[in-house]
Amino acid sequence: MSKRERVLSGMRPSGRLHLGNLAGALQNWIALQRDYECFFFVADWHALTTDYAETNDLQANIREMAADMLAAGLDPERAVLFVQSRVPEHAELHLLFSMITPEPWLKRVPTYKEQQEANPNKDLSTYGFLGYPVLQAADILIYKANYVPVGQDQLPHIELTREIARRFNNFYRPVLRSAPW
């Protein structure tokens, strides 16, 4: 039996799932789990990048999202479902990547300024928010994903992941996949 290609994707538990989540991601994930080795996760650390001061509902949102993912048709027999913060290696790899990622690379990501302008009542002048793409790179690269289904707004993050992987491989040794996603 040949090894199936790997898919990785996650969602932030910022509230109840809705039809947009179903049509935008979950239906695609359900289809992908038939043909690919899939890793789908609740991106709770990503939620903290913008909502670090409002964590009262976070644990409930994580549980509800996991239950909704299962109810929508994600099958734990076909896909690995997990909560990001329960895998400490995400944070460890994020820390290592943060040591080699130049600040200007992060500031050129379009969503950085767009989100700051769109959310004037939130303090987004934190490394957590600026470093969101570095955490995303750790998520992607730790699983050696072949495919990372994301929205158009996340494409600059994917390109930054390629740059981080190339830089890491150049400094140390080629161990990280820098494409095809």
N, C-alpha and C. Protein backbone atom coordinates (compact mmCIF):
# COMPACT_ATOMS: atom_id res chain seq x y z
N MET A 1 0.85 -1.19 0.00
CA MET A 1 0.00 0.00 0.00
C MET A 1 0.89 1.24 0.00
N SER A 2 0.61 2.17 -0.90
CA SER A 2 1.40 3.38 -0.97
C SER A 2 0.97 4.36 0.12
N LYS A 3 1.92 5.15 0.55
CA LYS A 3 1.66 6.13 1.60
C LYS A 3 0.80 7.27 1.03
N ARG A 4 -0.24 7.62 1.75
CA ARG A 4 -1.11 8.71 1.31
C ARG A 4 -0.47 10.05 1.63
N GLU A 5 -0.75 11.03 0.79
CA GLU A 5 -0.26 12.37 1.04
C GLU A 5 -1.00 12.97 2.24
N ARG A 6 -0.32 13.89 2.91
CA ARG A 6 -0.82 14.43 4.19
C ARG A 6 -1.41 15.83 4.02
N VAL A 7 -2.53 16.04 4.69
CA VAL A 7 -3.23 17.33 4.72
C VAL A 7 -3.27 17.80 6.17
N LEU A 8 -3.05 19.10 6.37
CA LEU A 8 -3.17 19.70 7.70
C LEU A 8 -4.02 20.95 7.60
N SER A 9 -4.94 21.11 8.53
CA SER A 9 -5.70 22.35 8.62
C SER A 9 -6.28 22.49 10.02
N GLY A 10 -6.54 23.72 10.41
CA GLY A 10 -7.09 23.98 11.73
C GLY A 10 -8.03 25.16 11.73
N MET A 11 -8.80 25.28 12.81
CA MET A 11 -9.73 26.39 12.99
C MET A 11 -9.59 26.94 14.40
N ARG A 12 -9.69 28.25 14.49
CA ARG A 12 -9.63 28.92 15.79
C ARG A 12 -10.98 28.77 16.51
N PRO A 13 -10.96 28.43 17.78
CA PRO A 13 -12.21 28.30 18.53
C PRO A 13 -12.66 29.64 19.10
N SER A 14 -13.05 30.54 18.20
CA SER A 14 -13.41 31.89 18.62
C SER A 14 -14.91 32.03 18.90
N GLY A 15 -15.64 30.96 18.74
CA GLY A 15 -17.08 30.98 18.98
C GLY A 15 -17.72 29.75 18.37
N ARG A 16 -19.04 29.73 18.36
CA ARG A 16 -19.76 28.59 17.80
C ARG A 16 -19.51 28.48 16.30
N LEU A 17 -19.43 27.25 15.81
CA LEU A 17 -19.31 27.05 14.37
C LEU A 17 -20.64 27.44 13.72
N HIS A 18 -20.58 27.82 12.43
CA HIS A 18 -21.77 28.27 11.72
C HIS A 18 -21.73 27.71 10.30
N LEU A 19 -22.73 28.05 9.53
CA LEU A 19 -22.81 27.52 8.16
C LEU A 19 -21.59 27.91 7.32
N GLY A 20 -21.03 29.07 7.57
CA GLY A 20 -19.83 29.48 6.85
C GLY A 20 -18.66 28.53 7.11
N ASN A 21 -18.52 28.07 8.36
CA ASN A 21 -17.47 27.09 8.69
C ASN A 21 -17.74 25.77 7.98
N LEU A 22 -19.02 25.38 7.95
CA LEU A 22 -19.38 24.12 7.29
C LEU A 22 -19.08 24.19 5.80
N ALA A 23 -19.56 25.25 5.14
CA ALA A 23 -19.36 25.38 3.69
C ALA A 23 -17.91 25.74 3.35
N GLY A 24 -17.26 26.54 4.20
CA GLY A 24 -15.92 27.01 3.89
C GLY A 24 -14.81 26.03 4.19
N ALA A 25 -14.99 25.19 5.19
CA ALA A 25 -13.89 24.30 5.57
C ALA A 25 -14.35 22.86 5.83
N LEU A 26 -15.32 22.69 6.68
CA LEU A 26 -15.65 21.34 7.13
C LEU A 26 -16.08 20.39 6.02
N GLN A 27 -16.88 20.85 5.08
CA GLN A 27 -17.27 19.97 3.97
C GLN A 27 -16.05 19.52 3.17
N ASN A 28 -15.10 20.43 2.98
CA ASN A 28 -13.85 20.09 2.29
C ASN A 28 -13.05 19.07 3.11
N TRP A 29 -12.95 19.29 4.42
CA TRP A 29 -12.21 18.38 5.28
C TRP A 29 -12.83 16.99 5.25
N ILE A 30 -14.14 16.92 5.28
CA ILE A 30 -14.84 15.63 5.27
C ILE A 30 -14.50 14.86 4.00
N ALA A 31 -14.49 15.57 2.87
CA ALA A 31 -14.13 14.93 1.59
C ALA A 31 -12.66 14.51 1.58
N LEU A 32 -11.78 15.36 2.10
CA LEU A 32 -10.34 15.07 2.09
C LEU A 32 -9.98 13.83 2.90
N GLN A 33 -10.69 13.59 4.00
CA GLN A 33 -10.33 12.47 4.88
C GLN A 33 -10.51 11.12 4.20
N ARG A 34 -11.23 11.07 3.11
CA ARG A 34 -11.40 9.80 2.39
C ARG A 34 -10.14 9.41 1.62
N ASP A 35 -9.42 10.43 1.11
CA ASP A 35 -8.31 10.15 0.19
C ASP A 35 -6.93 10.52 0.71
N TYR A 36 -6.86 11.23 1.82
CA TYR A 36 -5.59 11.72 2.34
C TYR A 36 -5.42 11.35 3.81
N GLU A 37 -4.18 11.37 4.24
CA GLU A 37 -3.89 11.26 5.67
C GLU A 37 -4.10 12.67 6.23
N CYS A 38 -5.13 12.85 7.05
CA CYS A 38 -5.52 14.20 7.47
C CYS A 38 -5.28 14.44 8.96
N PHE A 39 -4.82 15.65 9.24
CA PHE A 39 -4.64 16.16 10.59
C PHE A 39 -5.43 17.46 10.68
N PHE A 40 -6.49 17.45 11.49
CA PHE A 40 -7.33 18.63 11.67
C PHE A 40 -7.31 19.01 13.14
N PHE A 41 -7.15 20.31 13.40
CA PHE A 41 -6.99 20.69 14.80
C PHE A 41 -7.77 21.94 15.18
N VAL A 42 -8.03 22.00 16.49
CA VAL A 42 -8.62 23.18 17.11
C VAL A 42 -7.44 24.08 17.46
N ALA A 43 -7.35 25.23 16.82
CA ALA A 43 -6.19 26.12 16.93
C ALA A 43 -6.36 27.09 18.10
N ASP A 44 -6.31 26.55 19.31
CA ASP A 44 -6.57 27.39 20.49
C ASP A 44 -5.46 28.40 20.76
N TRP A 45 -4.21 28.07 20.47
CA TRP A 45 -3.15 29.06 20.65
C TRP A 45 -3.32 30.20 19.64
N HIS A 46 -3.77 29.88 18.44
CA HIS A 46 -4.03 30.93 17.45
C HIS A 46 -5.13 31.87 17.94
N ALA A 47 -6.11 31.32 18.62
CA ALA A 47 -7.19 32.17 19.16
C ALA A 47 -6.63 33.18 20.16
N LEU A 48 -5.61 32.78 20.90
CA LEU A 48 -5.03 33.68 21.90
C LEU A 48 -4.27 34.85 21.27
N THR A 49 -3.89 34.75 20.01
CA THR A 49 -3.12 35.83 19.39
C THR A 49 -3.92 37.12 19.30
N THR A 50 -5.25 37.01 19.22
CA THR A 50 -6.09 38.20 19.16
C THR A 50 -7.01 38.32 20.38
N ASP A 51 -7.28 37.23 21.04
CA ASP A 51 -8.24 37.25 22.15
C ASP A 51 -7.60 36.84 23.47
N TYR A 52 -6.34 37.20 23.68
CA TYR A 52 -5.62 36.81 24.89
C TYR A 52 -6.24 37.38 26.16
N ALA A 53 -6.96 38.49 26.07
CA ALA A 53 -7.55 39.12 27.24
C ALA A 53 -8.97 38.63 27.51
N GLU A 54 -9.51 37.80 26.61
CA GLU A 54 -10.90 37.34 26.73
C GLU A 54 -10.94 35.82 26.63
N THR A 55 -10.51 35.15 27.68
CA THR A 55 -10.41 33.69 27.62
C THR A 55 -11.51 32.95 28.38
N ASN A 56 -12.49 33.68 28.90
CA ASN A 56 -13.52 33.03 29.71
C ASN A 56 -14.23 31.89 28.99
N ASP A 57 -14.48 32.04 27.70
CA ASP A 57 -15.23 31.03 26.95
C ASP A 57 -14.34 30.07 26.17
N LEU A 58 -13.03 30.21 26.28
CA LEU A 58 -12.13 29.44 25.43
C LEU A 58 -12.30 27.93 25.61
N GLN A 59 -12.28 27.44 26.82
CA GLN A 59 -12.39 25.99 27.03
C GLN A 59 -13.72 25.45 26.53
N ALA A 60 -14.80 26.18 26.76
CA ALA A 60 -16.11 25.75 26.25
C ALA A 60 -16.11 25.77 24.72
N ASN A 61 -15.51 26.80 24.13
CA ASN A 61 -15.44 26.88 22.66
C ASN A 61 -14.63 25.72 22.08
N ILE A 62 -13.57 25.32 22.76
CA ILE A 62 -12.75 24.19 22.29
C ILE A 62 -13.60 22.92 22.29
N ARG A 63 -14.29 22.67 23.39
CA ARG A 63 -15.13 21.46 23.49
C ARG A 63 -16.24 21.47 22.44
N GLU A 64 -16.90 22.62 22.29
CA GLU A 64 -17.99 22.72 21.32
C GLU A 64 -17.48 22.54 19.90
N MET A 65 -16.32 23.11 19.60
CA MET A 65 -15.78 22.97 18.25
C MET A 65 -15.43 21.51 17.96
N ALA A 66 -14.81 20.85 18.91
CA ALA A 66 -14.47 19.43 18.71
C ALA A 66 -15.74 18.61 18.50
N ALA A 67 -16.77 18.86 19.30
CA ALA A 67 -18.03 18.13 19.15
C ALA A 67 -18.68 18.44 17.80
N ASP A 68 -18.64 19.71 17.39
CA ASP A 68 -19.23 20.09 16.10
C ASP A 68 -18.46 19.47 14.94
N MET A 69 -17.15 19.38 15.06
CA MET A 69 -16.36 18.75 13.99
C MET A 69 -16.78 17.29 13.81
N LEU A 70 -16.96 16.60 14.93
CA LEU A 70 -17.40 15.21 14.87
C LEU A 70 -18.82 15.11 14.32
N ALA A 71 -19.70 15.98 14.80
CA ALA A 71 -21.09 15.95 14.35
C ALA A 71 -21.22 16.26 12.86
N ALA A 72 -20.32 17.09 12.34
CA ALA A 72 -20.37 17.44 10.91
C ALA A 72 -19.91 16.28 10.03
N GLY A 73 -19.17 15.32 10.60
CA GLY A 73 -18.75 14.17 9.80
C GLY A 73 -17.27 13.87 9.78
N LEU A 74 -16.46 14.62 10.53
CA LEU A 74 -15.04 14.23 10.62
C LEU A 74 -14.98 12.94 11.42
N ASP A 75 -14.24 12.00 10.90
CA ASP A 75 -14.21 10.65 11.46
C ASP A 75 -12.84 10.38 12.08
N PRO A 76 -12.78 10.16 13.40
CA PRO A 76 -11.49 9.89 14.04
C PRO A 76 -10.83 8.59 13.56
N GLU A 77 -11.57 7.76 12.85
CA GLU A 77 -10.98 6.56 12.25
C GLU A 77 -10.26 6.89 10.94
N ARG A 78 -10.58 8.04 10.36
CA ARG A 78 -10.00 8.44 9.08
C ARG A 78 -9.06 9.64 9.18
N ALA A 79 -9.20 10.41 10.25
CA ALA A 79 -8.40 11.64 10.39
C ALA A 79 -7.98 11.79 11.84
N VAL A 80 -6.86 12.44 12.03
CA VAL A 80 -6.39 12.76 13.39
C VAL A 80 -6.99 14.12 13.76
N LEU A 81 -7.75 14.14 14.85
CA LEU A 81 -8.34 15.37 15.35
C LEU A 81 -7.69 15.68 16.68
N PHE A 82 -7.26 16.94 16.86
CA PHE A 82 -6.57 17.27 18.11
C PHE A 82 -6.69 18.74 18.45
N VAL A 83 -6.35 19.05 19.68
CA VAL A 83 -6.31 20.43 20.16
C VAL A 83 -4.85 20.85 20.17
N GLN A 84 -4.56 21.96 19.52
CA GLN A 84 -3.19 22.43 19.32
C GLN A 84 -2.39 22.50 20.62
N SER A 85 -2.96 23.05 21.66
CA SER A 85 -2.20 23.25 22.91
C SER A 85 -1.89 21.95 23.63
N ARG A 86 -2.50 20.87 23.20
CA ARG A 86 -2.22 19.57 23.83
C ARG A 86 -0.98 18.91 23.23
N VAL A 87 -0.39 19.57 22.22
CA VAL A 87 0.83 19.08 21.57
C VAL A 87 1.91 20.13 21.79
N PRO A 88 2.69 20.00 22.87
CA PRO A 88 3.65 21.05 23.22
C PRO A 88 4.72 21.29 22.16
N GLU A 89 4.93 20.36 21.27
CA GLU A 89 5.94 20.54 20.23
C GLU A 89 5.59 21.72 19.30
N HIS A 90 4.29 22.06 19.19
CA HIS A 90 3.92 23.24 18.41
C HIS A 90 4.61 24.48 18.98
N ALA A 91 4.52 24.63 20.31
CA ALA A 91 5.13 25.80 20.96
C ALA A 91 6.65 25.76 20.88
N GLU A 92 7.21 24.57 21.01
CA GLU A 92 8.67 24.45 20.95
C GLU A 92 9.21 24.83 19.58
N LEU A 93 8.56 24.32 18.53
CA LEU A 93 9.02 24.65 17.18
C LEU A 93 8.75 26.13 16.87
N HIS A 94 7.64 26.65 17.34
CA HIS A 94 7.35 28.08 17.18
C HIS A 94 8.46 28.92 17.81
N LEU A 95 8.89 28.54 19.00
CA LEU A 95 9.96 29.27 19.67
C LEU A 95 11.25 29.24 18.84
N LEU A 96 11.61 28.08 18.33
CA LEU A 96 12.82 27.97 17.51
C LEU A 96 12.70 28.82 16.25
N PHE A 97 11.55 28.77 15.59
CA PHE A 97 11.35 29.57 14.38
C PHE A 97 11.38 31.06 14.70
N SER A 98 10.86 31.45 15.87
CA SER A 98 10.84 32.87 16.22
C SER A 98 12.26 33.41 16.37
N MET A 99 13.22 32.55 16.66
CA MET A 99 14.61 32.97 16.82
C MET A 99 15.29 33.29 15.48
N ILE A 100 14.77 32.72 14.39
CA ILE A 100 15.43 32.90 13.09
C ILE A 100 14.61 33.71 12.10
N THR A 101 13.39 34.12 12.48
CA THR A 101 12.52 34.85 11.55
C THR A 101 12.70 36.35 11.73
N PRO A 102 13.18 37.03 10.70
CA PRO A 102 13.37 38.48 10.80
C PRO A 102 12.04 39.21 10.98
N GLU A 103 12.05 40.22 11.84
CA GLU A 103 10.84 41.00 12.11
C GLU A 103 10.23 41.60 10.83
N PRO A 104 11.03 42.14 9.90
CA PRO A 104 10.43 42.70 8.68
C PRO A 104 9.60 41.68 7.88
N TRP A 105 9.99 40.40 7.92
CA TRP A 105 9.20 39.38 7.25
C TRP A 105 7.79 39.34 7.82
N LEU A 106 7.68 39.47 9.13
CA LEU A 106 6.37 39.40 9.78
C LEU A 106 5.54 40.65 9.49
N LYS A 107 6.18 41.79 9.48
CA LYS A 107 5.45 43.05 9.29
C LYS A 107 4.96 43.23 7.86
N ARG A 108 5.50 42.48 6.92
CA ARG A 108 5.04 42.63 5.54
C ARG A 108 3.83 41.75 5.23
N VAL A 109 3.44 40.88 6.15
CA VAL A 109 2.24 40.05 5.95
C VAL A 109 1.02 40.97 5.94
N PRO A 110 0.24 40.99 4.84
CA PRO A 110 -0.86 41.96 4.72
C PRO A 110 -1.87 41.91 5.86
N THR A 111 -2.16 40.74 6.38
CA THR A 111 -3.19 40.65 7.42
C THR A 111 -2.76 41.32 8.71
N TYR A 112 -1.47 41.55 8.91
CA TYR A 112 -0.98 42.19 10.14
C TYR A 112 -1.58 43.59 10.29
N LYS A 113 -1.38 44.42 9.29
CA LYS A 113 -1.91 45.79 9.35
C LYS A 113 -3.43 45.81 9.17
N GLU A 114 -3.93 44.95 8.30
CA GLU A 114 -5.38 44.91 8.06
C GLU A 114 -6.14 44.60 9.34
N GLN A 115 -5.68 43.61 10.10
CA GLN A 115 -6.36 43.24 11.34
C GLN A 115 -6.23 44.32 12.40
N GLN A 116 -5.09 44.98 12.46
CA GLN A 116 -4.93 46.07 13.42
C GLN A 116 -5.91 47.21 13.11
N GLU A 117 -6.07 47.52 11.82
CA GLU A 117 -7.00 48.58 11.43
C GLU A 117 -8.45 48.16 11.63
N ALA A 118 -8.75 46.88 11.40
CA ALA A 118 -10.13 46.39 11.52
C ALA A 118 -10.55 46.20 12.98
N ASN A 119 -9.61 46.15 13.90
CA ASN A 119 -9.91 45.90 15.31
C ASN A 119 -9.29 46.98 16.19
N PRO A 120 -9.74 48.24 16.06
CA PRO A 120 -9.11 49.33 16.81
C PRO A 120 -9.31 49.22 18.33
N ASN A 121 -10.28 48.44 18.77
CA ASN A 121 -10.55 48.31 20.21
C ASN A 121 -9.76 47.17 20.86
N LYS A 122 -8.95 46.46 20.08
CA LYS A 122 -8.11 45.38 20.61
C LYS A 122 -6.65 45.80 20.56
N ASP A 123 -5.92 45.45 21.57
CA ASP A 123 -4.48 45.71 21.57
C ASP A 123 -3.80 44.58 20.82
N LEU A 124 -3.47 44.84 19.58
CA LEU A 124 -2.80 43.84 18.75
C LEU A 124 -1.33 44.19 18.54
N SER A 125 -0.78 44.97 19.44
CA SER A 125 0.64 45.34 19.35
C SER A 125 1.50 44.38 20.17
N THR A 126 1.18 43.09 20.07
CA THR A 126 1.91 42.06 20.82
C THR A 126 2.70 41.17 19.87
N TYR A 127 3.72 40.51 20.42
CA TYR A 127 4.43 39.54 19.58
C TYR A 127 3.49 38.40 19.19
N GLY A 128 2.60 38.02 20.10
CA GLY A 128 1.66 36.93 19.79
C GLY A 128 0.93 37.18 18.49
N PHE A 129 0.46 38.42 18.30
CA PHE A 129 -0.24 38.75 17.06
C PHE A 129 0.73 38.86 15.89
N LEU A 130 1.83 39.56 16.09
CA LEU A 130 2.83 39.70 15.03
C LEU A 130 3.39 38.33 14.62
N GLY A 131 3.60 37.46 15.61
CA GLY A 131 4.19 36.16 15.35
C GLY A 131 3.22 35.06 14.97
N TYR A 132 1.95 35.40 14.78
CA TYR A 132 0.94 34.42 14.37
C TYR A 132 1.42 33.56 13.19
N PRO A 133 1.98 34.17 12.13
CA PRO A 133 2.43 33.34 11.00
C PRO A 133 3.57 32.38 11.36
N VAL A 134 4.37 32.72 12.37
CA VAL A 134 5.45 31.83 12.80
C VAL A 134 4.85 30.60 13.48
N LEU A 135 3.82 30.81 14.29
CA LEU A 135 3.11 29.68 14.90
C LEU A 135 2.46 28.83 13.82
N GLN A 136 1.88 29.47 12.83
CA GLN A 136 1.26 28.73 11.74
C GLN A 136 2.31 27.92 10.98
N ALA A 137 3.48 28.48 10.78
CA ALA A 137 4.56 27.74 10.12
C ALA A 137 4.94 26.51 10.93
N ALA A 138 5.02 26.66 12.25
CA ALA A 138 5.33 25.51 13.10
C ALA A 138 4.25 24.44 12.97
N ASP A 139 2.98 24.86 12.94
CA ASP A 139 1.87 23.91 12.78
C ASP A 139 2.04 23.10 11.49
N ILE A 140 2.34 23.80 10.42
CA ILE A 140 2.43 23.15 9.11
C ILE A 140 3.64 22.24 9.02
N LEU A 141 4.78 22.76 9.43
CA LEU A 141 6.03 22.03 9.22
C LEU A 141 6.22 20.86 10.16
N ILE A 142 5.64 20.91 11.34
CA ILE A 142 5.81 19.80 12.28
C ILE A 142 5.17 18.51 11.76
N TYR A 143 4.11 18.65 10.95
CA TYR A 143 3.41 17.47 10.43
C TYR A 143 3.85 17.08 9.02
N LYS A 144 4.79 17.83 8.47
CA LYS A 144 5.28 17.54 7.12
C LYS A 144 4.13 17.40 6.13
N ALA A 145 3.23 18.37 6.19
CA ALA A 145 2.04 18.35 5.34
C ALA A 145 2.40 18.54 3.87
N ASN A 146 1.69 17.81 3.02
CA ASN A 146 1.80 18.01 1.58
C ASN A 146 0.86 19.12 1.12
N TYR A 147 -0.28 19.23 1.80
CA TYR A 147 -1.30 20.21 1.44
C TYR A 147 -1.82 20.89 2.69
N VAL A 148 -2.09 22.19 2.53
CA VAL A 148 -2.62 22.99 3.63
C VAL A 148 -3.76 23.83 3.06
N PRO A 149 -5.00 23.33 3.13
CA PRO A 149 -6.11 24.12 2.59
C PRO A 149 -6.37 25.35 3.45
N VAL A 150 -6.23 26.53 2.84
CA VAL A 150 -6.44 27.79 3.54
C VAL A 150 -7.20 28.75 2.63
N GLY A 151 -7.71 29.80 3.21
CA GLY A 151 -8.37 30.85 2.44
C GLY A 151 -7.34 31.76 1.79
N GLN A 152 -7.81 32.58 0.85
CA GLN A 152 -6.95 33.51 0.13
C GLN A 152 -6.16 34.40 1.08
N ASP A 153 -6.77 34.81 2.20
CA ASP A 153 -6.11 35.72 3.13
C ASP A 153 -4.90 35.09 3.80
N GLN A 154 -4.83 33.76 3.77
CA GLN A 154 -3.73 33.06 4.42
C GLN A 154 -2.57 32.74 3.47
N LEU A 155 -2.70 33.03 2.20
CA LEU A 155 -1.64 32.69 1.24
C LEU A 155 -0.30 33.36 1.58
N PRO A 156 -0.28 34.61 2.03
CA PRO A 156 1.02 35.18 2.43
C PRO A 156 1.64 34.42 3.62
N HIS A 157 0.81 33.85 4.47
CA HIS A 157 1.33 33.06 5.59
C HIS A 157 1.99 31.78 5.07
N ILE A 158 1.41 31.20 4.03
CA ILE A 158 1.99 29.99 3.45
C ILE A 158 3.34 30.31 2.81
N GLU A 159 3.42 31.44 2.11
CA GLU A 159 4.70 31.83 1.52
C GLU A 159 5.74 32.09 2.61
N LEU A 160 5.34 32.70 3.71
CA LEU A 160 6.25 32.93 4.82
C LEU A 160 6.71 31.59 5.41
N THR A 161 5.83 30.61 5.45
CA THR A 161 6.21 29.28 5.93
C THR A 161 7.31 28.70 5.06
N ARG A 162 7.20 28.87 3.75
CA ARG A 162 8.25 28.40 2.84
C ARG A 162 9.58 29.09 3.15
N GLU A 163 9.52 30.40 3.38
CA GLU A 163 10.75 31.16 3.67
C GLU A 163 11.38 30.72 4.99
N ILE A 164 10.55 30.48 6.00
CA ILE A 164 11.06 30.03 7.29
C ILE A 164 11.70 28.66 7.14
N ALA A 165 11.06 27.77 6.41
CA ALA A 165 11.62 26.42 6.20
C ALA A 165 12.95 26.50 5.47
N ARG A 166 13.02 27.31 4.42
CA ARG A 166 14.28 27.45 3.68
C ARG A 166 15.38 28.01 4.57
N ARG A 167 15.04 29.02 5.37
CA ARG A 167 16.04 29.63 6.25
C ARG A 167 16.52 28.63 7.30
N PHE A 168 15.59 27.90 7.91
CA PHE A 168 15.94 26.89 8.90
C PHE A 168 16.85 25.84 8.28
N ASN A 169 16.44 25.32 7.11
CA ASN A 169 17.24 24.30 6.44
C ASN A 169 18.62 24.82 6.06
N ASN A 170 18.72 26.08 5.70
CA ASN A 170 20.00 26.67 5.36
C ASN A 170 20.91 26.81 6.58
N PHE A 171 20.36 27.23 7.70
CA PHE A 171 21.15 27.39 8.91
C PHE A 171 21.61 26.05 9.50
N TYR A 172 20.76 25.07 9.44
CA TYR A 172 21.03 23.81 10.13
C TYR A 172 21.27 22.70 9.12
N ARG A 173 20.24 21.98 8.80
CA ARG A 173 20.36 20.98 7.73
C ARG A 173 18.98 20.78 7.14
N PRO A 174 18.90 20.30 5.91
CA PRO A 174 17.59 20.18 5.26
C PRO A 174 16.72 19.09 5.89
N VAL A 175 15.87 19.50 6.80
CA VAL A 175 14.96 18.55 7.43
C VAL A 175 13.50 18.96 7.26
N LEU A 176 13.26 20.21 6.87
CA LEU A 176 11.89 20.71 6.74
C LEU A 176 11.46 20.79 5.29
N ARG A 177 10.24 20.41 5.04
CA ARG A 177 9.65 20.51 3.70
C ARG A 177 9.32 21.96 3.43
N SER A 178 9.74 22.51 2.31
CA SER A 178 9.46 23.91 2.01
C SER A 178 8.45 24.06 0.89
N ALA A 179 7.82 22.99 0.47
CA ALA A 179 6.79 23.02 -0.58
C ALA A 179 6.13 21.65 -0.59
N PRO A 180 5.08 21.40 -1.24
CA PRO A 180 4.45 22.09 -2.34
C PRO A 180 3.34 23.06 -1.96
N TRP A 181 2.97 23.13 -0.72
CA TRP A 181 1.79 23.95 -0.36
C TRP A 181 2.02 25.34 -0.68
